[in-house]
Amino acid sequence: MSLVEESYRIAARLPAWERYNLSSQIRAAATSIPANIAEGHGSVHRRQYLYVIIAESSLRELQTHLENAIRVKHINAAEAAEATRIAAEVGRLLGGLHRALKRPKKGPGK
């Protein structure tokens, strides 16, 4: 959720004419990450790891949008530093969760 908050702060700094383009895409990608984790957490099947894959994809999308904002000079790297740091941490956490969910479940007596 910290990444969502930081992403919204960055999106608010973008030019008004980007409100329905890059700004909207940053907000959507950022909110998709925790939403997919929550949806997967509610799943009772092993398929829940698919939600983690979607969250990982949304994270990569967000990172790309942030890089785009930097490259077109809507923000500078310093303004994106906190979001970049949090995104890296979220990526590590999602990777660990993904690996853990892919492991076969051990049943009783195994």
C-alpha atoms as a PDB file:
ATOM      1  CA  MET A   1       0.000   0.000   0.000  1.00  0.00           C
ATOM      2  CA  SER A   2       2.992   2.301   0.535  1.00  0.00           C
ATOM      3  CA  LEU A   3       3.787   1.872  -3.142  1.00  0.00           C
ATOM      4  CA  VAL A   4       0.222   2.874  -4.040  1.00  0.00           C
ATOM      5  CA  GLU A   5       0.507   6.005  -1.899  1.00  0.00           C
ATOM      6  CA  GLU A   6       3.851   6.987  -3.397  1.00  0.00           C
ATOM      7  CA  SER A   7       2.596   6.287  -6.919  1.00  0.00           C
ATOM      8  CA  TYR A   8      -0.390   8.565  -6.343  1.00  0.00           C
ATOM      9  CA  ARG A   9       1.957  11.316  -5.151  1.00  0.00           C
ATOM     10  CA  ILE A  10       4.005  10.968  -8.323  1.00  0.00           C
ATOM     11  CA  ALA A  11       0.914  10.837 -10.546  1.00  0.00           C
ATOM     12  CA  ALA A  12      -0.306  14.088  -8.977  1.00  0.00           C
ATOM     13  CA  ARG A  13       2.972  15.797  -9.987  1.00  0.00           C
ATOM     14  CA  LEU A  14       2.517  14.999 -13.667  1.00  0.00           C
ATOM     15  CA  PRO A  15       1.233  17.677 -16.040  1.00  0.00           C
ATOM     16  CA  ALA A  16      -2.552  18.096 -16.152  1.00  0.00           C
ATOM     17  CA  TRP A  17      -2.631  16.967 -19.774  1.00  0.00           C
ATOM     18  CA  GLU A  18      -1.256  13.557 -18.640  1.00  0.00           C
ATOM     19  CA  ARG A  19      -4.156  13.070 -16.194  1.00  0.00           C
ATOM     20  CA  TYR A  20      -5.958  10.555 -18.430  1.00  0.00           C
ATOM     21  CA  ASN A  21      -2.839   8.954 -19.850  1.00  0.00           C
ATOM     22  CA  LEU A  22       0.340   8.319 -17.909  1.00  0.00           C
ATOM     23  CA  SER A  23      -1.030   9.509 -14.568  1.00  0.00           C
ATOM     24  CA  SER A  24      -4.043   7.210 -14.875  1.00  0.00           C
ATOM     25  CA  GLN A  25      -1.864   4.272 -15.905  1.00  0.00           C
ATOM     26  CA  ILE A  26       0.482   4.786 -12.937  1.00  0.00           C
ATOM     27  CA  ARG A  27      -2.452   4.782 -10.515  1.00  0.00           C
ATOM     28  CA  ALA A  28      -4.080   1.738 -12.131  1.00  0.00           C
ATOM     29  CA  ALA A  29      -0.903  -0.349 -12.174  1.00  0.00           C
ATOM     30  CA  ALA A  30      -0.071   0.572  -8.580  1.00  0.00           C
ATOM     31  CA  THR A  31      -3.519  -0.277  -7.213  1.00  0.00           C
ATOM     32  CA  SER A  32      -3.602  -3.526  -9.164  1.00  0.00           C
ATOM     33  CA  ILE A  33      -0.679  -4.950  -7.164  1.00  0.00           C
ATOM     34  CA  PRO A  34      -2.274  -5.126  -3.689  1.00  0.00           C
ATOM     35  CA  ALA A  35      -5.713  -5.793  -5.189  1.00  0.00           C
ATOM     36  CA  ASN A  36      -4.445  -8.958  -6.868  1.00  0.00           C
ATOM     37  CA  ILE A  37      -2.678 -10.087  -3.708  1.00  0.00           C
ATOM     38  CA  ALA A  38      -5.916  -9.610  -1.775  1.00  0.00           C
ATOM     39  CA  GLU A  39      -7.885 -11.491  -4.397  1.00  0.00           C
ATOM     40  CA  GLY A  40      -5.390 -14.349  -4.404  1.00  0.00           C
ATOM     41  CA  HIS A  41      -5.386 -14.475  -0.610  1.00  0.00           C
ATOM     42  CA  GLY A  42      -9.120 -15.129  -0.706  1.00  0.00           C
ATOM     43  CA  SER A  43      -8.663 -18.064  -3.071  1.00  0.00           C
ATOM     44  CA  VAL A  44      -8.952 -21.512  -1.528  1.00  0.00           C
ATOM     45  CA  HIS A  45      -7.112 -23.258  -4.350  1.00  0.00           C
ATOM     46  CA  ARG A  46      -3.457 -23.551  -5.243  1.00  0.00           C
ATOM     47  CA  ARG A  47      -4.285 -21.427  -8.287  1.00  0.00           C
ATOM     48  CA  GLN A  48      -3.891 -18.400  -6.031  1.00  0.00           C
ATOM     49  CA  TYR A  49      -0.321 -18.069  -7.302  1.00  0.00           C
ATOM     50  CA  LEU A  50      -1.796 -16.841 -10.601  1.00  0.00           C
ATOM     51  CA  TYR A  51      -2.831 -13.673  -8.784  1.00  0.00           C
ATOM     52  CA  VAL A  52       0.778 -13.223  -7.716  1.00  0.00           C
ATOM     53  CA  ILE A  53       1.856 -13.479 -11.355  1.00  0.00           C
ATOM     54  CA  ILE A  54      -0.647 -10.754 -12.251  1.00  0.00           C
ATOM     55  CA  ALA A  55       0.614  -8.605  -9.354  1.00  0.00           C
ATOM     56  CA  GLU A  56       4.204  -9.103 -10.564  1.00  0.00           C
ATOM     57  CA  SER A  57       3.152  -8.034 -14.068  1.00  0.00           C
ATOM     58  CA  SER A  58       1.445  -4.929 -12.678  1.00  0.00           C
ATOM     59  CA  LEU A  59       4.604  -4.105 -10.749  1.00  0.00           C
ATOM     60  CA  ARG A  60       6.700  -4.308 -13.919  1.00  0.00           C
ATOM     61  CA  GLU A  61       4.113  -2.143 -15.695  1.00  0.00           C
ATOM     62  CA  LEU A  62       4.310   0.449 -12.916  1.00  0.00           C
ATOM     63  CA  GLN A  63       8.118   0.449 -13.031  1.00  0.00           C
ATOM     64  CA  THR A  64       7.953   1.045 -16.790  1.00  0.00           C
ATOM     65  CA  HIS A  65       5.501   3.940 -16.381  1.00  0.00           C
ATOM     66  CA  LEU A  66       7.754   5.532 -13.757  1.00  0.00           C
ATOM     67  CA  GLU A  67      10.752   5.175 -16.051  1.00  0.00           C
ATOM     68  CA  ASN A  68       8.727   6.729 -18.874  1.00  0.00           C
ATOM     69  CA  ALA A  69       7.811   9.691 -16.656  1.00  0.00           C
ATOM     70  CA  ILE A  70      11.504  10.200 -15.889  1.00  0.00           C
ATOM     71  CA  ARG A  71      12.623   9.878 -19.499  1.00  0.00           C
ATOM     72  CA  VAL A  72      10.099  12.401 -20.805  1.00  0.00           C
ATOM     73  CA  LYS A  73      11.136  14.697 -17.939  1.00  0.00           C
ATOM     74  CA  HIS A  74       7.775  14.884 -16.160  1.00  0.00           C
ATOM     75  CA  ILE A  75       9.647  13.933 -12.964  1.00  0.00           C
ATOM     76  CA  ASN A  76      13.304  13.406 -12.156  1.00  0.00           C
ATOM     77  CA  ALA A  77      14.968  10.304 -10.731  1.00  0.00           C
ATOM     78  CA  ALA A  78      15.116  11.867  -7.267  1.00  0.00           C
ATOM     79  CA  GLU A  79      11.345  12.368  -7.269  1.00  0.00           C
ATOM     80  CA  ALA A  80      10.874   8.711  -8.216  1.00  0.00           C
ATOM     81  CA  ALA A  81      13.529   7.364  -5.822  1.00  0.00           C
ATOM     82  CA  GLU A  82      11.169   6.356  -3.009  1.00  0.00           C
ATOM     83  CA  ALA A  83       8.722   4.663  -5.379  1.00  0.00           C
ATOM     84  CA  THR A  84      11.630   2.882  -7.059  1.00  0.00           C
ATOM     85  CA  ARG A  85      12.938   1.688  -3.694  1.00  0.00           C
ATOM     86  CA  ILE A  86       9.534   0.445  -2.555  1.00  0.00           C
ATOM     87  CA  ALA A  87       8.910  -1.218  -5.925  1.00  0.00           C
ATOM     88  CA  ALA A  88      12.164  -3.157  -5.635  1.00  0.00           C
ATOM     89  CA  GLU A  89      11.170  -4.380  -2.176  1.00  0.00           C
ATOM     90  CA  VAL A  90       7.682  -5.338  -3.378  1.00  0.00           C
ATOM     91  CA  GLY A  91       9.303  -7.233  -6.248  1.00  0.00           C
ATOM     92  CA  ARG A  92      11.442  -9.230  -3.825  1.00  0.00           C
ATOM     93  CA  LEU A  93       8.421 -10.011  -1.654  1.00  0.00           C
ATOM     94  CA  LEU A  94       6.286 -11.042  -4.614  1.00  0.00           C
ATOM     95  CA  GLY A  95       9.074 -13.252  -5.938  1.00  0.00           C
ATOM     96  CA  GLY A  96       9.338 -15.035  -2.594  1.00  0.00           C
ATOM     97  CA  LEU A  97       5.586 -15.464  -2.370  1.00  0.00           C
ATOM     98  CA  HIS A  98       5.452 -16.787  -5.918  1.00  0.00           C
ATOM     99  CA  ARG A  99       8.168 -19.366  -5.207  1.00  0.00           C
ATOM    100  CA  ALA A 100       6.476 -20.425  -1.961  1.00  0.00           C
ATOM    101  CA  LEU A 101       3.105 -20.921  -3.640  1.00  0.00           C
ATOM    102  CA  LYS A 102       4.598 -22.959  -6.485  1.00  0.00           C
ATOM    103  CA  ARG A 103       6.038 -25.509  -4.068  1.00  0.00           C
ATOM    104  CA  PRO A 104       3.970 -28.673  -3.790  1.00  0.00           C
ATOM    105  CA  LYS A 105       1.928 -28.899  -0.635  1.00  0.00           C
ATOM    106  CA  LYS A 106       2.992 -31.578   1.774  1.00  0.00           C
ATOM    107  CA  GLY A 107       0.085 -33.624   3.008  1.00  0.00           C
ATOM    108  CA  PRO A 108      -0.237 -35.416   6.338  1.00  0.00           C
ATOM    109  CA  GLY A 109       2.482 -37.975   6.902  1.00  0.00           C
ATOM    110  CA  LYS A 110       4.636 -36.783   3.999  1.00  0.00           C
END
